[in-house]
């Protein structure tokens, strides 16, 4: 069991590295000061240094290379999404809270995606959409439904949105399966085609306003089956 002193020690390391990043001393891809040097600078034990670096590695801030040292990561697309996802699953987050989050973020995602999507991402979205609406197997189609929304999130180029979406992905996916099942049972598969078609076309046409309206209609259609 860690005592208070140990906790303060590794927090001191994290704070020091955070300050270096804030001051521009450390940037993406830069090598972090060696463990031996950190011991000298901060006056704390090497075990605490290693513990702090392990924590930063786990949450995706640094990358530890065997025999080479510790580096600030160059890419942050999956930053903190793993630990956040676990925390959400362990919390008392309810279905209504998940839907409220999704209702809010999906509309903004569609808007930004229409503004920022690249030609390559459009081709990927077209392929995904084709499989989503033409797949006979409902389980596989639902997977492409999840992928469709994930591709839109990635197209925003907003790291905070991407990581928040990724962190909530598992729970949102469970909701998607549930709502799809209710909707298809009530209206048939045409519902899935209808609510995705306008979103897809607006994003591919790079029309942010239409994408916003289409996603709002998409979420309104899902709300009915969420509330059942």
Protein backbone atom coordinates (compact mmCIF):
# COMPACT_ATOMS: atom_id res chain seq x y z
CA UNK A 1 0.00 0.00 0.00
CA UNK A 2 1.41 3.40 -1.02
CA UNK A 3 1.80 5.97 1.71
CA UNK A 4 1.14 9.68 1.35
CA UNK A 5 4.81 10.47 0.75
CA UNK A 6 5.05 8.02 -2.17
CA UNK A 7 1.94 9.52 -3.76
CA UNK A 8 3.33 13.02 -3.48
CA UNK A 9 6.59 11.84 -5.03
CA UNK A 10 5.17 10.47 -8.27
CA UNK A 11 2.75 13.39 -8.55
CA UNK A 12 5.78 15.66 -8.40
CA UNK A 13 7.25 13.92 -11.46
CA UNK A 14 4.01 14.29 -13.42
CA UNK A 15 3.75 17.95 -12.46
CA UNK A 16 7.37 18.58 -13.52
CA UNK A 17 6.87 17.01 -16.95
CA UNK A 18 3.56 18.88 -17.34
CA UNK A 19 5.33 22.16 -16.65
CA UNK A 20 7.99 21.39 -19.25
CA UNK A 21 5.28 20.74 -21.83
CA UNK A 22 3.42 23.92 -20.86
CA UNK A 23 6.61 25.98 -21.18
CA UNK A 24 7.43 24.48 -24.57
CA UNK A 25 10.57 22.73 -23.34
CA UNK A 26 9.04 19.38 -24.26
CA UNK A 27 7.00 18.93 -27.44
CA UNK A 28 5.46 15.97 -29.25
CA UNK A 29 8.11 13.38 -30.04
CA UNK A 30 10.71 14.85 -27.66
CA UNK A 31 12.70 12.66 -25.30
CA UNK A 32 11.90 13.11 -21.62
CA UNK A 33 14.71 13.78 -19.14
CA UNK A 34 16.35 10.52 -18.04
CA UNK A 35 15.30 8.80 -14.82
CA UNK A 36 18.73 9.46 -13.30
CA UNK A 37 18.51 13.17 -14.10
CA UNK A 38 14.95 13.37 -12.74
CA UNK A 39 16.19 11.86 -9.47
CA UNK A 40 18.79 14.64 -9.24
CA UNK A 41 16.38 17.43 -10.22
CA UNK A 42 13.45 16.42 -8.04
CA UNK A 43 15.29 14.73 -5.18
CA UNK A 44 13.00 11.70 -5.06
CA UNK A 45 13.53 7.96 -5.44
CA UNK A 46 13.91 6.20 -8.76
CA UNK A 47 10.94 3.92 -8.04
CA UNK A 48 8.67 6.96 -7.81
CA UNK A 49 10.12 8.25 -11.08
CA UNK A 50 9.36 4.97 -12.82
CA UNK A 51 5.87 4.79 -11.34
CA UNK A 52 5.05 8.27 -12.64
CA UNK A 53 6.35 7.43 -16.12
CA UNK A 54 4.33 4.21 -16.12
CA UNK A 55 1.18 6.19 -15.28
CA UNK A 56 1.88 8.65 -18.10
CA UNK A 57 2.46 5.71 -20.44
CA UNK A 58 -0.83 4.05 -19.47
CA UNK A 59 -2.89 7.18 -20.10
CA UNK A 60 -1.12 7.73 -23.42
CA UNK A 61 0.99 10.82 -22.76
CA UNK A 62 4.42 9.23 -23.13
CA UNK A 63 5.88 6.19 -24.87
CA UNK A 64 8.58 4.15 -23.15
CA UNK A 65 11.12 2.54 -25.47
CA UNK A 66 13.17 -0.29 -24.04
CA UNK A 67 16.84 0.65 -23.86
CA UNK A 68 16.21 4.09 -25.34
CA UNK A 69 14.19 6.13 -22.87
CA UNK A 70 10.83 7.85 -22.58
CA UNK A 71 9.32 10.08 -25.26
CA UNK A 72 6.32 12.38 -25.47
CA UNK A 73 3.93 10.69 -27.89
CA UNK A 74 3.61 12.06 -31.41
CA UNK A 75 -0.01 10.99 -31.89
CA UNK A 76 -2.86 11.45 -29.43
CA UNK A 77 -5.85 10.00 -31.30
CA UNK A 78 -6.36 7.36 -28.62
CA UNK A 79 -5.26 9.61 -25.75
CA UNK A 80 -6.80 8.50 -22.46
CA UNK A 81 -9.72 6.77 -24.21
CA UNK A 82 -8.90 3.37 -22.69
CA UNK A 83 -8.88 4.48 -19.02
CA UNK A 84 -11.86 6.78 -19.64
CA UNK A 85 -13.81 3.93 -21.19
CA UNK A 86 -13.18 1.69 -18.16
CA UNK A 87 -14.15 4.51 -15.79
CA UNK A 88 -17.42 5.08 -17.64
CA UNK A 89 -18.26 1.36 -17.56
CA UNK A 90 -17.56 1.19 -13.81
CA UNK A 91 -19.62 4.29 -13.09
CA UNK A 92 -23.35 4.49 -12.60
CA UNK A 93 -23.84 6.06 -16.01
CA UNK A 94 -27.42 5.46 -17.13
CA UNK A 95 -28.94 4.99 -20.58
CA UNK A 96 -30.53 8.44 -20.50
CA UNK A 97 -27.16 10.07 -19.80
CA UNK A 98 -25.55 8.12 -22.64
CA UNK A 99 -28.31 9.16 -25.04
CA UNK A 100 -28.06 12.80 -23.95
CA UNK A 101 -24.31 12.74 -24.58
CA UNK A 102 -24.75 11.09 -27.95
CA UNK A 103 -27.60 13.39 -28.97
CA UNK A 104 -25.40 16.41 -28.22
CA UNK A 105 -22.14 15.23 -29.73
CA UNK A 106 -23.42 13.50 -32.89
CA UNK A 107 -24.96 16.69 -34.27
CA UNK A 108 -21.73 18.63 -33.82
CA UNK A 109 -19.72 15.72 -35.21
CA UNK A 110 -21.77 15.67 -38.42
CA UNK A 111 -21.39 19.43 -38.82
CA UNK A 112 -17.61 19.41 -38.37
CA UNK A 113 -17.17 16.26 -40.45
CA UNK A 114 -18.92 17.95 -43.39
CA UNK A 115 -16.50 20.87 -43.08
CA UNK A 116 -13.29 18.88 -42.63
CA UNK A 117 -13.64 15.45 -44.21
CA UNK A 118 -10.89 14.54 -46.70
CA UNK A 119 -11.29 12.86 -50.08
CA UNK A 120 -9.81 9.66 -48.67
CA UNK A 121 -12.21 9.69 -45.72
CA UNK A 122 -15.13 10.23 -48.10
CA UNK A 123 -14.17 7.07 -49.99
CA UNK A 124 -13.95 5.16 -46.71
CA UNK A 125 -17.34 6.53 -45.62
CA UNK A 126 -18.92 5.54 -48.97
CA UNK A 127 -17.68 1.97 -48.60
CA UNK A 128 -18.95 1.78 -45.02
CA UNK A 129 -22.33 3.27 -45.91
CA UNK A 130 -22.78 0.83 -48.78
CA UNK A 131 -22.23 -2.13 -46.47
CA UNK A 132 -24.41 -0.59 -43.76
CA UNK A 133 -27.50 -0.34 -45.98
CA UNK A 134 -26.97 -3.47 -48.09
CA UNK A 135 -25.90 -6.02 -45.49
CA UNK A 136 -28.48 -8.77 -44.90
CA UNK A 137 -27.01 -9.81 -41.56
CA UNK A 138 -28.31 -7.39 -38.92
CA UNK A 139 -25.38 -7.96 -36.55
CA UNK A 140 -22.85 -7.14 -39.26
CA UNK A 141 -24.93 -4.17 -40.42
CA UNK A 142 -24.95 -2.82 -36.86
CA UNK A 143 -21.15 -3.03 -36.80
CA UNK A 144 -21.03 -0.88 -39.92
CA UNK A 145 -23.50 1.49 -38.27
CA UNK A 146 -21.00 1.90 -35.41
CA UNK A 147 -18.15 2.33 -37.87
CA UNK A 148 -20.10 4.93 -39.86
CA UNK A 149 -20.45 7.16 -36.81
CA UNK A 150 -16.85 6.50 -35.79
CA UNK A 151 -15.63 7.63 -39.20
CA UNK A 152 -17.60 10.85 -38.86
CA UNK A 153 -16.04 11.47 -35.45
CA UNK A 154 -12.56 10.92 -36.86
CA UNK A 155 -13.30 13.29 -39.74
CA UNK A 156 -13.83 16.18 -37.29
CA UNK A 157 -10.04 16.29 -36.69
CA UNK A 158 -10.86 17.34 -33.12
CA UNK A 159 -8.83 15.23 -30.70
CA UNK A 160 -11.11 15.98 -27.73
CA UNK A 161 -14.19 14.87 -29.66
CA UNK A 162 -12.43 11.77 -30.99
CA UNK A 163 -11.23 10.67 -27.56
CA UNK A 164 -14.53 11.42 -25.84
CA UNK A 165 -16.34 9.45 -28.53
CA UNK A 166 -13.88 6.55 -28.33
CA UNK A 167 -14.17 6.45 -24.54
CA UNK A 168 -17.96 6.19 -24.75
CA UNK A 169 -17.90 3.83 -27.74
CA UNK A 170 -18.57 0.56 -25.91
CA UNK A 171 -21.65 1.85 -24.08
CA UNK A 172 -22.96 3.74 -27.11
CA UNK A 173 -22.58 0.62 -29.23
CA UNK A 174 -24.73 -1.35 -26.81
CA UNK A 175 -27.37 1.34 -27.10
CA UNK A 176 -27.16 1.31 -30.90
CA UNK A 177 -27.85 -2.44 -31.01
CA UNK A 178 -30.83 -2.02 -28.68
CA UNK A 179 -32.38 0.94 -30.50
CA UNK A 180 -31.81 -0.61 -33.93
CA UNK A 181 -33.60 -3.78 -32.82
CA UNK A 182 -36.64 -1.83 -31.60
CA UNK A 183 -36.73 0.44 -34.64
CA UNK A 184 -36.42 -2.36 -37.18
CA UNK A 185 -39.07 -4.39 -35.39
CA UNK A 186 -41.44 -1.41 -35.57
CA UNK A 187 -40.67 0.12 -38.99
CA UNK A 188 -38.56 -2.40 -40.82
CA UNK A 189 -35.01 -2.03 -42.13
CA UNK A 190 -36.05 0.97 -44.21
CA UNK A 191 -35.70 3.02 -41.02
CA UNK A 192 -31.94 2.41 -40.93
CA UNK A 193 -31.57 3.36 -44.58
CA UNK A 194 -33.65 6.51 -44.18
CA UNK A 195 -31.94 7.94 -41.10
CA UNK A 196 -28.43 7.43 -42.49
CA UNK A 197 -29.03 8.50 -46.10
CA UNK A 198 -29.41 12.25 -45.54
CA UNK A 199 -26.46 12.38 -43.14
CA UNK A 200 -24.27 10.51 -45.58
CA UNK A 201 -25.20 12.68 -48.56
CA UNK A 202 -24.78 15.96 -46.66
CA UNK A 203 -21.31 15.01 -45.38
CA UNK A 204 -20.16 13.74 -48.79
CA UNK A 205 -21.44 16.99 -50.34
CA UNK A 206 -19.51 18.87 -47.64
CA UNK A 207 -22.63 20.76 -46.58
CA UNK A 208 -22.31 21.47 -42.83
CA UNK A 209 -25.77 23.01 -42.37
CA UNK A 210 -27.55 20.12 -44.07
CA UNK A 211 -25.39 17.63 -42.17
CA UNK A 212 -26.44 19.26 -38.88
CA UNK A 213 -30.13 19.10 -39.82
CA UNK A 214 -29.85 15.51 -41.07
CA UNK A 215 -28.13 14.30 -37.91
CA UNK A 216 -30.72 16.10 -35.77
CA UNK A 217 -33.45 14.19 -37.64
CA UNK A 218 -31.42 11.00 -37.22
CA UNK A 219 -31.24 11.45 -33.45
CA UNK A 220 -34.91 12.47 -33.19
CA UNK A 221 -35.87 9.24 -34.96
CA UNK A 222 -33.77 7.21 -32.52
CA UNK A 223 -35.15 9.05 -29.49
CA UNK A 224 -38.57 7.47 -29.99
CA UNK A 225 -37.13 3.97 -29.65
CA UNK A 226 -34.75 4.94 -26.87
CA UNK A 227 -37.70 6.13 -24.77
CA UNK A 228 -39.73 2.94 -25.24
